[in-house]
């Protein structure tokens, strides 16, 4: 799961870093389309199901990735993500 923001002055994180993380995830998916699934969520969406996910994984800032039930609240490079596969 990938949590991001599109808001310019979002206190939860930088939208440009979120965008860059999204590009890296797109590239990763293009390389391994049969091995990974990516679900992307705007952290500012107010939805009961999404709010539950944010609570379970303690999502408070972006970019945040949840990979195999492990939460990463930092920007991850393509190489780092590839190593996780």
C-alpha atoms as a PDB file:
ATOM      1  CA  UNK A   1       0.000   0.000   0.000  1.00  0.00           C
ATOM      2  CA  UNK A   2       1.186   3.469  -0.817  1.00  0.00           C
ATOM      3  CA  UNK A   3       0.005   6.596   1.012  1.00  0.00           C
ATOM      4  CA  UNK A   4       0.681   9.970  -0.599  1.00  0.00           C
ATOM      5  CA  UNK A   5      -0.486  13.578  -0.768  1.00  0.00           C
ATOM      6  CA  UNK A   6      -1.253  15.920  -3.647  1.00  0.00           C
ATOM      7  CA  UNK A   7      -1.628  19.002  -1.445  1.00  0.00           C
ATOM      8  CA  UNK A   8       1.117  21.616  -1.826  1.00  0.00           C
ATOM      9  CA  UNK A   9       1.357  22.745   1.801  1.00  0.00           C
ATOM     10  CA  UNK A  10       0.315  19.532   3.483  1.00  0.00           C
ATOM     11  CA  UNK A  11       1.513  19.205   7.078  1.00  0.00           C
ATOM     12  CA  UNK A  12       1.516  15.419   6.558  1.00  0.00           C
ATOM     13  CA  UNK A  13       4.264  15.497   3.932  1.00  0.00           C
ATOM     14  CA  UNK A  14       5.750  16.907   0.762  1.00  0.00           C
ATOM     15  CA  UNK A  15       3.678  16.396  -2.385  1.00  0.00           C
ATOM     16  CA  UNK A  16       6.786  16.418  -4.612  1.00  0.00           C
ATOM     17  CA  UNK A  17       8.398  13.594  -2.664  1.00  0.00           C
ATOM     18  CA  UNK A  18       5.075  11.728  -2.785  1.00  0.00           C
ATOM     19  CA  UNK A  19       5.011  12.217  -6.555  1.00  0.00           C
ATOM     20  CA  UNK A  20       8.579  10.959  -6.941  1.00  0.00           C
ATOM     21  CA  UNK A  21       7.801   7.883  -4.836  1.00  0.00           C
ATOM     22  CA  UNK A  22       4.799   7.271  -7.091  1.00  0.00           C
ATOM     23  CA  UNK A  23       7.005   7.387 -10.204  1.00  0.00           C
ATOM     24  CA  UNK A  24       9.343   4.833  -8.640  1.00  0.00           C
ATOM     25  CA  UNK A  25       6.413   2.552  -7.812  1.00  0.00           C
ATOM     26  CA  UNK A  26       5.133   2.882 -11.386  1.00  0.00           C
ATOM     27  CA  UNK A  27       8.559   1.867 -12.676  1.00  0.00           C
ATOM     28  CA  UNK A  28       8.711  -1.062 -10.268  1.00  0.00           C
ATOM     29  CA  UNK A  29       5.293  -2.281 -11.389  1.00  0.00           C
ATOM     30  CA  UNK A  30       6.293  -2.044 -15.063  1.00  0.00           C
ATOM     31  CA  UNK A  31       9.318  -4.236 -14.322  1.00  0.00           C
ATOM     32  CA  UNK A  32       7.447  -6.829 -12.221  1.00  0.00           C
ATOM     33  CA  UNK A  33       3.748  -6.720 -13.202  1.00  0.00           C
ATOM     34  CA  UNK A  34       3.080 -10.323 -12.188  1.00  0.00           C
ATOM     35  CA  UNK A  35       4.891 -10.148  -8.853  1.00  0.00           C
ATOM     36  CA  UNK A  36       3.529  -7.054  -7.118  1.00  0.00           C
ATOM     37  CA  UNK A  37       0.267  -5.272  -6.485  1.00  0.00           C
ATOM     38  CA  UNK A  38       0.182  -1.600  -5.534  1.00  0.00           C
ATOM     39  CA  UNK A  39      -2.759   0.087  -3.853  1.00  0.00           C
ATOM     40  CA  UNK A  40      -2.386   3.883  -3.647  1.00  0.00           C
ATOM     41  CA  UNK A  41      -4.274   6.105  -1.230  1.00  0.00           C
ATOM     42  CA  UNK A  42      -4.392   9.854  -0.665  1.00  0.00           C
ATOM     43  CA  UNK A  43      -3.771  10.317   3.056  1.00  0.00           C
ATOM     44  CA  UNK A  44      -6.292  13.176   3.115  1.00  0.00           C
ATOM     45  CA  UNK A  45      -9.208  11.048   1.930  1.00  0.00           C
ATOM     46  CA  UNK A  46     -11.800  10.742   4.670  1.00  0.00           C
ATOM     47  CA  UNK A  47     -13.276   7.275   4.250  1.00  0.00           C
ATOM     48  CA  UNK A  48     -14.081   4.783   7.043  1.00  0.00           C
ATOM     49  CA  UNK A  49     -12.222   1.885   5.395  1.00  0.00           C
ATOM     50  CA  UNK A  50      -9.179   4.027   4.608  1.00  0.00           C
ATOM     51  CA  UNK A  51      -9.224   5.550   8.090  1.00  0.00           C
ATOM     52  CA  UNK A  52      -9.097   2.022   9.513  1.00  0.00           C
ATOM     53  CA  UNK A  53      -6.053   1.180   7.388  1.00  0.00           C
ATOM     54  CA  UNK A  54      -4.341   4.389   8.487  1.00  0.00           C
ATOM     55  CA  UNK A  55      -5.019   3.489  12.109  1.00  0.00           C
ATOM     56  CA  UNK A  56      -3.898  -0.144  11.826  1.00  0.00           C
ATOM     57  CA  UNK A  57      -0.613   0.806  10.139  1.00  0.00           C
ATOM     58  CA  UNK A  58      -0.149   4.088  12.056  1.00  0.00           C
ATOM     59  CA  UNK A  59      -0.077   6.206   8.894  1.00  0.00           C
ATOM     60  CA  UNK A  60       0.422   9.848   9.870  1.00  0.00           C
ATOM     61  CA  UNK A  61       2.816  11.191   7.242  1.00  0.00           C
ATOM     62  CA  UNK A  62       3.718  10.642   3.625  1.00  0.00           C
ATOM     63  CA  UNK A  63       5.156   9.112   1.635  1.00  0.00           C
ATOM     64  CA  UNK A  64       4.489   5.889   3.514  1.00  0.00           C
ATOM     65  CA  UNK A  65       4.641   2.380   2.129  1.00  0.00           C
ATOM     66  CA  UNK A  66       3.329  -0.809   3.672  1.00  0.00           C
ATOM     67  CA  UNK A  67       5.187  -3.788   2.225  1.00  0.00           C
ATOM     68  CA  UNK A  68       4.386  -7.254   3.549  1.00  0.00           C
ATOM     69  CA  UNK A  69       2.804  -5.745   6.697  1.00  0.00           C
ATOM     70  CA  UNK A  70       5.933  -3.653   7.394  1.00  0.00           C
ATOM     71  CA  UNK A  71       5.438   0.140   7.451  1.00  0.00           C
ATOM     72  CA  UNK A  72       8.089   2.421   5.932  1.00  0.00           C
ATOM     73  CA  UNK A  73       7.637   6.128   6.606  1.00  0.00           C
ATOM     74  CA  UNK A  74      10.560   7.199   4.456  1.00  0.00           C
ATOM     75  CA  UNK A  75      11.213   7.656   0.756  1.00  0.00           C
ATOM     76  CA  UNK A  76      12.410   4.356  -0.722  1.00  0.00           C
ATOM     77  CA  UNK A  77      14.564   4.158  -3.833  1.00  0.00           C
ATOM     78  CA  UNK A  78      13.978   1.737  -6.682  1.00  0.00           C
ATOM     79  CA  UNK A  79      16.983  -0.291  -5.524  1.00  0.00           C
ATOM     80  CA  UNK A  80      15.630  -0.503  -1.968  1.00  0.00           C
ATOM     81  CA  UNK A  81      12.233  -1.640  -3.194  1.00  0.00           C
ATOM     82  CA  UNK A  82      13.762  -4.191  -5.557  1.00  0.00           C
ATOM     83  CA  UNK A  83      15.698  -5.657  -2.629  1.00  0.00           C
ATOM     84  CA  UNK A  84      12.410  -6.158  -0.782  1.00  0.00           C
ATOM     85  CA  UNK A  85      11.143  -8.363  -3.603  1.00  0.00           C
END
